[in-house]
């Protein structure tokens, strides 16, 4: 006889999923990054970095209860569309703009000082997105330069260089990436790099070998206008991927705004039920669960992006998760904490099986 613990995960999708917090700024926030580490008084807290227009960089050391603005020298005119953080001290920020307005900075002392690590004057250079899987390994995506998308990488956290352009498929005329949330590029396990595009077509560029070779797949999201395409990609594991987008000039149009892949990005399928409109960002919040946000609200998927449920209408640009704990940012300095609606019930069973978790709906909500 064996006594095993079975966990039953109960979810209530109808209760609010966001708790609004106060940032103290009026900037349009576009980037957010969440880590678990030593915060105030060296106690364990969720540390959140956020970034946005007018050179804005914010940091909270106490789960978002209080926020402090951090100055980046000579950056008041920059639009920081992405931030990638690893502790209270160490973070990258990326600005978007033509030529030298696109920059990558790094701090290792909590923003007391910043090192300008990359900028470029070439025509077409425009940074859209950045992703990191460690504090020394990151990639950044630029719109096409000389007819091809440009992917930068660092392997030491200090020096950035271009991945070989001769292996990159050519961009279509007027094809570009989107910097709405800084999440158009993603790093997946086992050397995978993926990024999404828009304009004449919504395509996914994929490398399985850290950028030494690439292939490109046209997706069902479709293009047809400069404002339409893929805006964000998220990986739950090497096989299960979700991408969202649409037309940011037609935010209530819910036609073909979310796709998923269960084979590592080789093929993409339209979600069976779509989010409620254009979505600028998507992230994995737990196994099988994804969250997508945009101007007219948030949608939740419990089955790896196949079906989506609209939950609220809070205007948000970007979101980030550490496990099931997430934060999102939006216009006018808005910041919101994700309210996890998971209620775990534990019972003992006589069995020789393995520990299992089952999702059910309709239970009372409970923060976890």
Foldseek 3Di string as FASTA:
>chain_A
DDKDKAKAKEFAQQDDFWDWAFAPFQFFKFEKAWDWAQFPPRDTAIKMWIFFAQQWIWIDRHNRNYIDTAHAPPLRHWTFNYKYDDYQFWIKTFTWDFFQSTWIWITRGNRPYIDTQDTGRAGQFTWAAKEDPDQFWIKTWGWDGPQFIWIWIGRGNHHIDTQDRVQTDGDDVLKTAHNLRRAQWYDAPQQKIWGWIEAQFTKIWIDNHVRNHIDMDTAPLTYHHNQWYWQHKEDPHQFKIKTFFGGLVWFQDFPSGIWIGRGRPPYIDGAPATPRGGFNYKYAQAVQWMWTAAQQAIWIGNHRGNHIDGHGGHHFRYKYYDHNWIKTGGGGGIIITTFGFIDIDIDIDPDDDDHDYHYDYDDDGDGD
